Amino acid sequence: ASKMPQILVCFHVNLRPIRSVEESPHAERARYQDIPRVDGSTKAHFKPQSLIIAERFRFYRRDQQLGETMADYVVALKQQASKCNFGTFLEEALRDRLVCGQCHTLS
């Protein structure tokens, strides 16, 4: 019970309501040109980079699906590998995944 206040302090959230545009004292003077533009840093904030380790996990877990052609499988692997930042290891990673991820069916 003694740790409860500390935890609540750590997760305190400001719940004040946001003022609407109509409540703003400058609402009648606001113009469209005065609205801040969305720049590159704002776009980057809303579309963060994926984690390399998560992308590599998806790459290494990608197996050829039943009925998927080898050409389609290679394309899917290359698309996934492009997100993995393999650098000079790319060719080896693709080769290894092709060998290990092939769908083997008995005919």
PDB file of N, CA and C in Angstrom:
ATOM      1  N   ALA A   1       0.819  -1.197   0.000  1.00  0.00           N
ATOM      2  CA  ALA A   1       0.000   0.000   0.000  1.00  0.00           C
ATOM      3  C   ALA A   1       0.859   1.256   0.000  1.00  0.00           C
ATOM      4  N   SER A   2       2.081   1.176   0.523  1.00  0.00           N
ATOM      5  CA  SER A   2       2.919   2.367   0.597  1.00  0.00           C
ATOM      6  C   SER A   2       3.444   2.779  -0.772  1.00  0.00           C
ATOM      7  N   LYS A   3       3.494   1.886  -1.734  1.00  0.00           N
ATOM      8  CA  LYS A   3       3.991   2.209  -3.071  1.00  0.00           C
ATOM      9  C   LYS A   3       2.912   2.804  -3.966  1.00  0.00           C
ATOM     10  N   MET A   4       1.677   2.688  -3.599  1.00  0.00           N
ATOM     11  CA  MET A   4       0.577   3.163  -4.433  1.00  0.00           C
ATOM     12  C   MET A   4       0.695   4.648  -4.785  1.00  0.00           C
ATOM     13  N   PRO A   5       0.944   5.573  -3.845  1.00  0.00           N
ATOM     14  CA  PRO A   5       1.054   6.982  -4.223  1.00  0.00           C
ATOM     15  C   PRO A   5       2.179   7.238  -5.218  1.00  0.00           C
ATOM     16  N   GLN A   6       3.295   6.540  -5.092  1.00  0.00           N
ATOM     17  CA  GLN A   6       4.401   6.737  -6.012  1.00  0.00           C
ATOM     18  C   GLN A   6       4.012   6.309  -7.421  1.00  0.00           C
ATOM     19  N   ILE A   7       3.321   5.215  -7.552  1.00  0.00           N
ATOM     20  CA  ILE A   7       2.884   4.750  -8.868  1.00  0.00           C
ATOM     21  C   ILE A   7       1.907   5.737  -9.479  1.00  0.00           C
ATOM     22  N   LEU A   8       0.994   6.246  -8.694  1.00  0.00           N
ATOM     23  CA  LEU A   8       0.022   7.207  -9.210  1.00  0.00           C
ATOM     24  C   LEU A   8       0.707   8.481  -9.678  1.00  0.00           C
ATOM     25  N   VAL A   9       1.737   8.907  -8.967  1.00  0.00           N
ATOM     26  CA  VAL A   9       2.472  10.098  -9.371  1.00  0.00           C
ATOM     27  C   VAL A   9       3.177   9.860 -10.699  1.00  0.00           C
ATOM     28  N   CYS A  10       3.742   8.671 -10.894  1.00  0.00           N
ATOM     29  CA  CYS A  10       4.442   8.369 -12.138  1.00  0.00           C
ATOM     30  C   CYS A  10       3.512   8.406 -13.346  1.00  0.00           C
ATOM     31  N   PHE A  11       2.268   8.016 -13.171  1.00  0.00           N
ATOM     32  CA  PHE A  11       1.340   7.933 -14.286  1.00  0.00           C
ATOM     33  C   PHE A  11       0.308   9.062 -14.279  1.00  0.00           C
ATOM     34  N   HIS A  12       0.605  10.141 -13.611  1.00  0.00           N
ATOM     35  CA  HIS A  12      -0.315  11.273 -13.569  1.00  0.00           C
ATOM     36  C   HIS A  12      -0.494  11.847 -14.968  1.00  0.00           C
ATOM     37  N   VAL A  13      -1.721  12.086 -15.336  1.00  0.00           N
ATOM     38  CA  VAL A  13      -2.037  12.645 -16.643  1.00  0.00           C
ATOM     39  C   VAL A  13      -2.820  13.931 -16.438  1.00  0.00           C
ATOM     40  N   ASN A  14      -2.480  14.932 -17.213  1.00  0.00           N
ATOM     41  CA  ASN A  14      -3.186  16.199 -17.139  1.00  0.00           C
ATOM     42  C   ASN A  14      -4.513  16.062 -17.879  1.00  0.00           C
ATOM     43  N   LEU A  15      -5.617  16.173 -17.176  1.00  0.00           N
ATOM     44  CA  LEU A  15      -6.936  15.954 -17.769  1.00  0.00           C
ATOM     45  C   LEU A  15      -7.713  17.249 -17.991  1.00  0.00           C
ATOM     46  N   ARG A  16      -7.005  18.368 -18.052  1.00  0.00           N
ATOM     47  CA  ARG A  16      -7.705  19.620 -18.319  1.00  0.00           C
ATOM     48  C   ARG A  16      -8.290  19.601 -19.722  1.00  0.00           C
ATOM     49  N   PRO A  17      -9.519  20.086 -19.896  1.00  0.00           N
ATOM     50  CA  PRO A  17     -10.093  20.105 -21.242  1.00  0.00           C
ATOM     51  C   PRO A  17      -9.379  21.129 -22.128  1.00  0.00           C
ATOM     52  N   ILE A  18      -9.283  20.817 -23.397  1.00  0.00           N
ATOM     53  CA  ILE A  18      -8.677  21.736 -24.359  1.00  0.00           C
ATOM     54  C   ILE A  18      -9.722  22.756 -24.772  1.00  0.00           C
ATOM     55  N   ARG A  19      -9.311  24.023 -24.827  1.00  0.00           N
ATOM     56  CA  ARG A  19     -10.259  25.070 -25.226  1.00  0.00           C
ATOM     57  C   ARG A  19     -10.577  24.936 -26.702  1.00  0.00           C
ATOM     58  N   SER A  20     -11.802  25.181 -27.041  1.00  0.00           N
ATOM     59  CA  SER A  20     -12.183  25.142 -28.447  1.00  0.00           C
ATOM     60  C   SER A  20     -11.772  26.450 -29.102  1.00  0.00           C
ATOM     61  N   VAL A  21     -11.796  26.486 -30.418  1.00  0.00           N
ATOM     62  CA  VAL A  21     -11.414  27.686 -31.162  1.00  0.00           C
ATOM     63  C   VAL A  21     -12.337  28.843 -30.822  1.00  0.00           C
ATOM     64  N   GLU A  22     -13.620  28.552 -30.609  1.00  0.00           N
ATOM     65  CA  GLU A  22     -14.573  29.616 -30.300  1.00  0.00           C
ATOM     66  C   GLU A  22     -14.273  30.291 -28.962  1.00  0.00           C
ATOM     67  N   GLU A  23     -13.702  29.539 -28.022  1.00  0.00           N
ATOM     68  CA  GLU A  23     -13.393  30.099 -26.707  1.00  0.00           C
ATOM     69  C   GLU A  23     -12.115  30.928 -26.710  1.00  0.00           C
ATOM     70  N   SER A  24     -11.335  30.813 -27.753  1.00  0.00           N
ATOM     71  CA  SER A  24     -10.067  31.517 -27.814  1.00  0.00           C
ATOM     72  C   SER A  24     -10.316  33.021 -27.916  1.00  0.00           C
ATOM     73  N   PRO A  25      -9.562  33.838 -27.170  1.00  0.00           N
ATOM     74  CA  PRO A  25      -9.752  35.295 -27.250  1.00  0.00           C
ATOM     75  C   PRO A  25      -9.343  35.857 -28.608  1.00  0.00           C
ATOM     76  N   HIS A  26      -8.596  35.115 -29.405  1.00  0.00           N
ATOM     77  CA  HIS A  26      -8.130  35.592 -30.701  1.00  0.00           C
ATOM     78  C   HIS A  26      -8.882  34.943 -31.868  1.00  0.00           C
ATOM     79  N   ALA A  27      -9.992  34.302 -31.587  1.00  0.00           N
ATOM     80  CA  ALA A  27     -10.704  33.548 -32.621  1.00  0.00           C
ATOM     81  C   ALA A  27     -11.152  34.446 -33.772  1.00  0.00           C
ATOM     82  N   GLU A  28     -11.607  35.630 -33.466  1.00  0.00           N
ATOM     83  CA  GLU A  28     -12.106  36.500 -34.550  1.00  0.00           C
ATOM     84  C   GLU A  28     -10.978  37.014 -35.435  1.00  0.00           C
ATOM     85  N   ARG A  29      -9.733  37.013 -34.926  1.00  0.00           N
ATOM     86  CA  ARG A  29      -8.607  37.497 -35.716  1.00  0.00           C
ATOM     87  C   ARG A  29      -7.839  36.382 -36.415  1.00  0.00           C
ATOM     88  N   ALA A  30      -8.172  35.127 -36.136  1.00  0.00           N
ATOM     89  CA  ALA A  30      -7.436  34.011 -36.711  1.00  0.00           C
ATOM     90  C   ALA A  30      -7.710  33.924 -38.211  1.00  0.00           C
ATOM     91  N   ARG A  31      -6.669  33.700 -38.969  1.00  0.00           N
ATOM     92  CA  ARG A  31      -6.794  33.522 -40.413  1.00  0.00           C
ATOM     93  C   ARG A  31      -6.201  32.177 -40.789  1.00  0.00           C
ATOM     94  N   TYR A  32      -6.635  31.672 -41.927  1.00  0.00           N
ATOM     95  CA  TYR A  32      -6.130  30.391 -42.401  1.00  0.00           C
ATOM     96  C   TYR A  32      -4.617  30.430 -42.575  1.00  0.00           C
ATOM     97  N   GLN A  33      -4.085  31.532 -43.037  1.00  0.00           N
ATOM     98  CA  GLN A  33      -2.651  31.654 -43.269  1.00  0.00           C
ATOM     99  C   GLN A  33      -1.846  31.558 -41.977  1.00  0.00           C
ATOM    100  N   ASP A  34      -2.488  31.828 -40.839  1.00  0.00           N
ATOM    101  CA  ASP A  34      -1.793  31.805 -39.564  1.00  0.00           C
ATOM    102  C   ASP A  34      -1.695  30.405 -38.952  1.00  0.00           C
ATOM    103  N   ILE A  35      -2.390  29.447 -39.525  1.00  0.00           N
ATOM    104  CA  ILE A  35      -2.370  28.084 -38.990  1.00  0.00           C
ATOM    105  C   ILE A  35      -1.017  27.460 -39.321  1.00  0.00           C
ATOM    106  N   PRO A  36      -0.339  26.890 -38.342  1.00  0.00           N
ATOM    107  CA  PRO A  36       0.971  26.288 -38.606  1.00  0.00           C
ATOM    108  C   PRO A  36       0.874  25.157 -39.628  1.00  0.00           C
ATOM    109  N   ARG A  37       1.849  25.074 -40.478  1.00  0.00           N
ATOM    110  CA  ARG A  37       1.899  24.035 -41.499  1.00  0.00           C
ATOM    111  C   ARG A  37       2.538  22.772 -40.926  1.00  0.00           C
ATOM    112  N   VAL A  38       2.168  21.652 -41.496  1.00  0.00           N
ATOM    113  CA  VAL A  38       2.767  20.382 -41.104  1.00  0.00           C
ATOM    114  C   VAL A  38       4.079  20.250 -41.850  1.00  0.00           C
ATOM    115  N   ASP A  39       5.172  20.231 -41.102  1.00  0.00           N
ATOM    116  CA  ASP A  39       6.486  20.113 -41.732  1.00  0.00           C
ATOM    117  C   ASP A  39       7.001  18.679 -41.616  1.00  0.00           C
ATOM    118  N   GLY A  40       8.201  18.452 -42.073  1.00  0.00           N
ATOM    119  CA  GLY A  40       8.785  17.116 -42.077  1.00  0.00           C
ATOM    120  C   GLY A  40       8.899  16.504 -40.697  1.00  0.00           C
ATOM    121  N   SER A  41       9.244  17.314 -39.696  1.00  0.00           N
ATOM    122  CA  SER A  41       9.403  16.753 -38.349  1.00  0.00           C
ATOM    123  C   SER A  41       8.061  16.302 -37.781  1.00  0.00           C
ATOM    124  N   THR A  42       6.999  17.021 -38.099  1.00  0.00           N
ATOM    125  CA  THR A  42       5.672  16.614 -37.634  1.00  0.00           C
ATOM    126  C   THR A  42       5.238  15.339 -38.332  1.00  0.00           C
ATOM    127  N   LYS A  43       5.490  15.249 -39.630  1.00  0.00           N
ATOM    128  CA  LYS A  43       5.143  14.028 -40.363  1.00  0.00           C
ATOM    129  C   LYS A  43       5.935  12.841 -39.821  1.00  0.00           C
ATOM    130  N   ALA A  44       7.197  13.048 -39.505  1.00  0.00           N
ATOM    131  CA  ALA A  44       8.035  11.980 -38.958  1.00  0.00           C
ATOM    132  C   ALA A  44       7.510  11.525 -37.604  1.00  0.00           C
ATOM    133  N   HIS A  45       6.958  12.464 -36.827  1.00  0.00           N
ATOM    134  CA  HIS A  45       6.419  12.123 -35.521  1.00  0.00           C
ATOM    135  C   HIS A  45       5.226  11.186 -35.654  1.00  0.00           C
ATOM    136  N   PHE A  46       4.378  11.438 -36.629  1.00  0.00           N
ATOM    137  CA  PHE A  46       3.185  10.627 -36.801  1.00  0.00           C
ATOM    138  C   PHE A  46       3.433   9.367 -37.626  1.00  0.00           C
ATOM    139  N   LYS A  47       4.594   9.233 -38.247  1.00  0.00           N
ATOM    140  CA  LYS A  47       4.973   8.022 -38.958  1.00  0.00           C
ATOM    141  C   LYS A  47       6.384   7.639 -38.504  1.00  0.00           C
ATOM    142  N   PRO A  48       6.483   7.095 -37.292  1.00  0.00           N
ATOM    143  CA  PRO A  48       7.808   6.771 -36.763  1.00  0.00           C
ATOM    144  C   PRO A  48       8.448   5.621 -37.529  1.00  0.00           C
ATOM    145  N   GLN A  49       9.761   5.573 -37.476  1.00  0.00           N
ATOM    146  CA  GLN A  49      10.491   4.496 -38.127  1.00  0.00           C
ATOM    147  C   GLN A  49      10.236   3.191 -37.378  1.00  0.00           C
ATOM    148  N   SER A  50      10.199   2.118 -38.135  1.00  0.00           N
ATOM    149  CA  SER A  50       9.992   0.825 -37.505  1.00  0.00           C
ATOM    150  C   SER A  50      11.293   0.361 -36.845  1.00  0.00           C
ATOM    151  N   LEU A  51      11.164  -0.509 -35.906  1.00  0.00           N
ATOM    152  CA  LEU A  51      12.326  -1.053 -35.223  1.00  0.00           C
ATOM    153  C   LEU A  51      12.974  -2.109 -36.104  1.00  0.00           C
ATOM    154  N   ILE A  52      14.265  -2.020 -36.267  1.00  0.00           N
ATOM    155  CA  ILE A  52      15.002  -2.958 -37.107  1.00  0.00           C
ATOM    156  C   ILE A  52      14.821  -4.388 -36.605  1.00  0.00           C
ATOM    157  N   ILE A  53      14.873  -4.572 -35.306  1.00  0.00           N
ATOM    158  CA  ILE A  53      14.756  -5.936 -34.768  1.00  0.00           C
ATOM    159  C   ILE A  53      13.389  -6.531 -35.077  1.00  0.00           C
ATOM    160  N   ALA A  54      12.345  -5.716 -35.046  1.00  0.00           N
ATOM    161  CA  ALA A  54      10.993  -6.202 -35.368  1.00  0.00           C
ATOM    162  C   ALA A  54      10.895  -6.549 -36.853  1.00  0.00           C
ATOM    163  N   GLU A  55      11.501  -5.731 -37.705  1.00  0.00           N
ATOM    164  CA  GLU A  55      11.479  -6.016 -39.143  1.00  0.00           C
ATOM    165  C   GLU A  55      12.271  -7.275 -39.463  1.00  0.00           C
ATOM    166  N   ARG A  56      13.394  -7.456 -38.792  1.00  0.00           N
ATOM    167  CA  ARG A  56      14.186  -8.674 -39.013  1.00  0.00           C
ATOM    168  C   ARG A  56      13.451  -9.907 -38.503  1.00  0.00           C
ATOM    169  N   PHE A  57      12.721  -9.771 -37.425  1.00  0.00           N
ATOM    170  CA  PHE A  57      11.901 -10.878 -36.925  1.00  0.00           C
ATOM    171  C   PHE A  57      10.888 -11.293 -37.990  1.00  0.00           C
ATOM    172  N   ARG A  58      10.207 -10.306 -38.581  1.00  0.00           N
ATOM    173  CA  ARG A  58       9.237 -10.612 -39.641  1.00  0.00           C
ATOM    174  C   ARG A  58       9.924 -11.272 -40.838  1.00  0.00           C
ATOM    175  N   PHE A  59      11.124 -10.787 -41.169  1.00  0.00           N
ATOM    176  CA  PHE A  59      11.869 -11.352 -42.286  1.00  0.00           C
ATOM    177  C   PHE A  59      12.207 -12.821 -42.021  1.00  0.00           C
ATOM    178  N   TYR A  60      12.752 -13.111 -40.849  1.00  0.00           N
ATOM    179  CA  TYR A  60      13.177 -14.468 -40.536  1.00  0.00           C
ATOM    180  C   TYR A  60      12.002 -15.425 -40.303  1.00  0.00           C
ATOM    181  N   ARG A  61      10.839 -14.902 -40.015  1.00  0.00           N
ATOM    182  CA  ARG A  61       9.650 -15.737 -39.831  1.00  0.00           C
ATOM    183  C   ARG A  61       8.874 -15.943 -41.135  1.00  0.00           C
ATOM    184  N   ARG A  62       9.252 -15.228 -42.177  1.00  0.00           N
ATOM    185  CA  ARG A  62       8.506 -15.310 -43.446  1.00  0.00           C
ATOM    186  C   ARG A  62       8.876 -16.575 -44.197  1.00  0.00           C
ATOM    187  N   ASP A  63       7.917 -17.478 -44.301  1.00  0.00           N
ATOM    188  CA  ASP A  63       8.090 -18.708 -45.057  1.00  0.00           C
ATOM    189  C   ASP A  63       7.235 -18.631 -46.315  1.00  0.00           C
ATOM    190  N   GLN A  64       7.599 -19.436 -47.282  1.00  0.00           N
ATOM    191  CA  GLN A  64       6.811 -19.517 -48.503  1.00  0.00           C
ATOM    192  C   GLN A  64       5.463 -20.149 -48.153  1.00  0.00           C
ATOM    193  N   GLN A  65       4.401 -19.507 -48.589  1.00  0.00           N
ATOM    194  CA  GLN A  65       3.058 -20.003 -48.316  1.00  0.00           C
ATOM    195  C   GLN A  65       2.699 -21.117 -49.287  1.00  0.00           C
ATOM    196  N   LEU A  66       1.833 -21.991 -48.869  1.00  0.00           N
ATOM    197  CA  LEU A  66       1.362 -23.067 -49.727  1.00  0.00           C
ATOM    198  C   LEU A  66       0.671 -22.460 -50.948  1.00  0.00           C
ATOM    199  N   GLY A  67       1.120 -22.816 -52.126  1.00  0.00           N
ATOM    200  CA  GLY A  67       0.548 -22.277 -53.358  1.00  0.00           C
ATOM    201  C   GLY A  67       1.228 -21.003 -53.847  1.00  0.00           C
ATOM    202  N   GLU A  68       2.111 -20.427 -53.068  1.00  0.00           N
ATOM    203  CA  GLU A  68       2.831 -19.218 -53.463  1.00  0.00           C
ATOM    204  C   GLU A  68       3.980 -19.608 -54.394  1.00  0.00           C
ATOM    205  N   THR A  69       4.084 -18.913 -55.520  1.00  0.00           N
ATOM    206  CA  THR A  69       5.173 -19.220 -56.451  1.00  0.00           C
ATOM    207  C   THR A  69       6.497 -18.770 -55.861  1.00  0.00           C
ATOM    208  N   MET A  70       7.570 -19.354 -56.360  1.00  0.00           N
ATOM    209  CA  MET A  70       8.898 -18.973 -55.894  1.00  0.00           C
ATOM    210  C   MET A  70       9.168 -17.509 -56.222  1.00  0.00           C
ATOM    211  N   ALA A  71       8.726 -17.055 -57.389  1.00  0.00           N
ATOM    212  CA  ALA A  71       8.935 -15.652 -57.781  1.00  0.00           C
ATOM    213  C   ALA A  71       8.227 -14.707 -56.805  1.00  0.00           C
ATOM    214  N   ASP A  72       6.986 -15.031 -56.428  1.00  0.00           N
ATOM    215  CA  ASP A  72       6.256 -14.195 -55.470  1.00  0.00           C
ATOM    216  C   ASP A  72       6.924 -14.217 -54.096  1.00  0.00           C
ATOM    217  N   TYR A  73       7.434 -15.381 -53.721  1.00  0.00           N
ATOM    218  CA  TYR A  73       8.122 -15.501 -52.437  1.00  0.00           C
ATOM    219  C   TYR A  73       9.388 -14.651 -52.407  1.00  0.00           C
ATOM    220  N   VAL A  74      10.147 -14.678 -53.497  1.00  0.00           N
ATOM    221  CA  VAL A  74      11.372 -13.876 -53.586  1.00  0.00           C
ATOM    222  C   VAL A  74      11.042 -12.391 -53.504  1.00  0.00           C
ATOM    223  N   VAL A  75       9.998 -11.967 -54.199  1.00  0.00           N
ATOM    224  CA  VAL A  75       9.591 -10.554 -54.158  1.00  0.00           C
ATOM    225  C   VAL A  75       9.210 -10.156 -52.736  1.00  0.00           C
ATOM    226  N   ALA A  76       8.427 -10.997 -52.058  1.00  0.00           N
ATOM    227  CA  ALA A  76       8.017 -10.698 -50.684  1.00  0.00           C
ATOM    228  C   ALA A  76       9.223 -10.619 -49.754  1.00  0.00           C
ATOM    229  N   LEU A  77      10.177 -11.532 -49.929  1.00  0.00           N
ATOM    230  CA  LEU A  77      11.385 -11.499 -49.090  1.00  0.00           C
ATOM    231  C   LEU A  77      12.200 -10.237 -49.336  1.00  0.00           C
ATOM    232  N   LYS A  78      12.345  -9.857 -50.599  1.00  0.00           N
ATOM    233  CA  LYS A  78      13.118  -8.650 -50.908  1.00  0.00           C
ATOM    234  C   LYS A  78      12.448  -7.406 -50.343  1.00  0.00           C
ATOM    235  N   GLN A  79      11.123  -7.356 -50.416  1.00  0.00           N
ATOM    236  CA  GLN A  79      10.407  -6.208 -49.843  1.00  0.00           C
ATOM    237  C   GLN A  79      10.627  -6.140 -48.340  1.00  0.00           C
ATOM    238  N   GLN A  80      10.528  -7.280 -47.678  1.00  0.00           N
ATOM    239  CA  GLN A  80      10.739  -7.289 -46.236  1.00  0.00           C
ATOM    240  C   GLN A  80      12.191  -6.985 -45.891  1.00  0.00           C
ATOM    241  N   ALA A  81      13.134  -7.511 -46.666  1.00  0.00           N
ATOM    242  CA  ALA A  81      14.556  -7.279 -46.403  1.00  0.00           C
ATOM    243  C   ALA A  81      14.934  -5.813 -46.560  1.00  0.00           C
ATOM    244  N   SER A  82      14.223  -5.095 -47.406  1.00  0.00           N
ATOM    245  CA  SER A  82      14.528  -3.671 -47.608  1.00  0.00           C
ATOM    246  C   SER A  82      14.309  -2.853 -46.336  1.00  0.00           C
ATOM    247  N   LYS A  83      13.547  -3.373 -45.387  1.00  0.00           N
ATOM    248  CA  LYS A  83      13.272  -2.678 -44.124  1.00  0.00           C
ATOM    249  C   LYS A  83      14.223  -3.096 -43.009  1.00  0.00           C
ATOM    250  N   CYS A  84      15.126  -4.038 -43.313  1.00  0.00           N
ATOM    251  CA  CYS A  84      15.934  -4.668 -42.263  1.00  0.00           C
ATOM    252  C   CYS A  84      17.333  -4.100 -42.089  1.00  0.00           C
ATOM    253  N   ASN A  85      17.768  -3.226 -42.969  1.00  0.00           N
ATOM    254  CA  ASN A  85      19.087  -2.607 -42.850  1.00  0.00           C
ATOM    255  C   ASN A  85      20.202  -3.652 -42.749  1.00  0.00           C
ATOM    256  N   PHE A  86      20.180  -4.640 -43.664  1.00  0.00           N
ATOM    257  CA  PHE A  86      21.184  -5.692 -43.648  1.00  0.00           C
ATOM    258  C   PHE A  86      22.543  -5.226 -44.163  1.00  0.00           C
ATOM    259  N   GLY A  87      22.563  -4.208 -44.988  1.00  0.00           N
ATOM    260  CA  GLY A  87      23.832  -3.730 -45.526  1.00  0.00           C
ATOM    261  C   GLY A  87      24.487  -4.774 -46.406  1.00  0.00           C
ATOM    262  N   THR A  88      25.763  -5.065 -46.148  1.00  0.00           N
ATOM    263  CA  THR A  88      26.507  -6.025 -46.975  1.00  0.00           C
ATOM    264  C   THR A  88      26.071  -7.468 -46.720  1.00  0.00           C
ATOM    265  N   PHE A  89      25.283  -7.715 -45.697  1.00  0.00           N
ATOM    266  CA  PHE A  89      24.804  -9.052 -45.360  1.00  0.00           C
ATOM    267  C   PHE A  89      23.517  -9.411 -46.119  1.00  0.00           C
ATOM    268  N   LEU A  90      23.005  -8.505 -46.929  1.00  0.00           N
ATOM    269  CA  LEU A  90      21.714  -8.698 -47.596  1.00  0.00           C
ATOM    270  C   LEU A  90      21.659  -9.973 -48.430  1.00  0.00           C
ATOM    271  N   GLU A  91      22.645 -10.173 -49.297  1.00  0.00           N
ATOM    272  CA  GLU A  91      22.629 -11.343 -50.184  1.00  0.00           C
ATOM    273  C   GLU A  91      22.623 -12.648 -49.387  1.00  0.00           C
ATOM    274  N   GLU A  92      23.420 -12.717 -48.334  1.00  0.00           N
ATOM    275  CA  GLU A  92      23.463 -13.928 -47.516  1.00  0.00           C
ATOM    276  C   GLU A  92      22.150 -14.150 -46.772  1.00  0.00           C
ATOM    277  N   ALA A  93      21.574 -13.080 -46.267  1.00  0.00           N
ATOM    278  CA  ALA A  93      20.304 -13.194 -45.543  1.00  0.00           C
ATOM    279  C   ALA A  93      19.200 -13.690 -46.481  1.00  0.00           C
ATOM    280  N   LEU A  94      19.155 -13.143 -47.696  1.00  0.00           N
ATOM    281  CA  LEU A  94      18.159 -13.594 -48.663  1.00  0.00           C
ATOM    282  C   LEU A  94      18.371 -15.062 -49.032  1.00  0.00           C
ATOM    283  N   ARG A  95      19.613 -15.435 -49.274  1.00  0.00           N
ATOM    284  CA  ARG A  95      19.918 -16.836 -49.608  1.00  0.00           C
ATOM    285  C   ARG A  95      19.486 -17.771 -48.485  1.00  0.00           C
ATOM    286  N   ASP A  96      19.846 -17.421 -47.254  1.00  0.00           N
ATOM    287  CA  ASP A  96      19.512 -18.274 -46.113  1.00  0.00           C
ATOM    288  C   ASP A  96      18.001 -18.422 -45.948  1.00  0.00           C
ATOM    289  N   ARG A  97      17.297 -17.302 -46.116  1.00  0.00           N
ATOM    290  CA  ARG A  97      15.843 -17.351 -45.945  1.00  0.00           C
ATOM    291  C   ARG A  97      15.177 -18.139 -47.069  1.00  0.00           C
ATOM    292  N   LEU A  98      15.722 -18.031 -48.281  1.00  0.00           N
ATOM    293  CA  LEU A  98      15.176 -18.806 -49.399  1.00  0.00           C
ATOM    294  C   LEU A  98      15.335 -20.304 -49.152  1.00  0.00           C
ATOM    295  N   VAL A  99      16.505 -20.702 -48.654  1.00  0.00           N
ATOM    296  CA  VAL A  99      16.762 -22.111 -48.399  1.00  0.00           C
ATOM    297  C   VAL A  99      15.895 -22.625 -47.247  1.00  0.00           C
ATOM    298  N   CYS A 100      15.835 -21.856 -46.175  1.00  0.00           N
ATOM    299  CA  CYS A 100      15.136 -22.317 -44.972  1.00  0.00           C
ATOM    300  C   CYS A 100      13.621 -22.125 -45.045  1.00  0.00           C
ATOM    301  N   GLY A 101      13.164 -21.217 -45.871  1.00  0.00           N
ATOM    302  CA  GLY A 101      11.744 -20.890 -45.878  1.00  0.00           C
ATOM    303  C   GLY A 101      10.939 -21.499 -47.000  1.00  0.00           C
ATOM    304  N   GLN A 102      11.579 -22.303 -47.830  1.00  0.00           N
ATOM    305  CA  GLN A 102      10.847 -22.926 -48.943  1.00  0.00           C
ATOM    306  C   GLN A 102       9.781 -23.875 -48.421  1.00  0.00           C
ATOM    307  N   CYS A 103       8.660 -23.870 -49.111  1.00  0.00           N
ATOM    308  CA  CYS A 103       7.568 -24.782 -48.782  1.00  0.00           C
ATOM    309  C   CYS A 103       7.828 -26.093 -49.524  1.00  0.00           C
ATOM    310  N   HIS A 104       8.067 -27.131 -48.761  1.00  0.00           N
ATOM    311  CA  HIS A 104       8.318 -28.439 -49.356  1.00  0.00           C
ATOM    312  C   HIS A 104       7.056 -29.285 -49.255  1.00  0.00           C
ATOM    313  N   THR A 105       6.528 -29.672 -50.372  1.00  0.00           N
ATOM    314  CA  THR A 105       5.341 -30.529 -50.370  1.00  0.00           C
ATOM    315  C   THR A 105       5.663 -31.859 -51.033  1.00  0.00           C
ATOM    316  N   LEU A 106       5.075 -32.864 -50.531  1.00  0.00           N
ATOM    317  CA  LEU A 106       5.260 -34.190 -51.122  1.00  0.00           C
ATOM    318  C   LEU A 106       4.183 -34.401 -52.186  1.00  0.00           C
ATOM    319  N   SER A 107       4.595 -34.769 -53.372  1.00  0.00           N
ATOM    320  CA  SER A 107       3.630 -34.979 -54.447  1.00  0.00           C
ATOM    321  C   SER A 107       3.391 -36.456 -54.660  1.00  0.00           C
TER     322      SER A 107
END
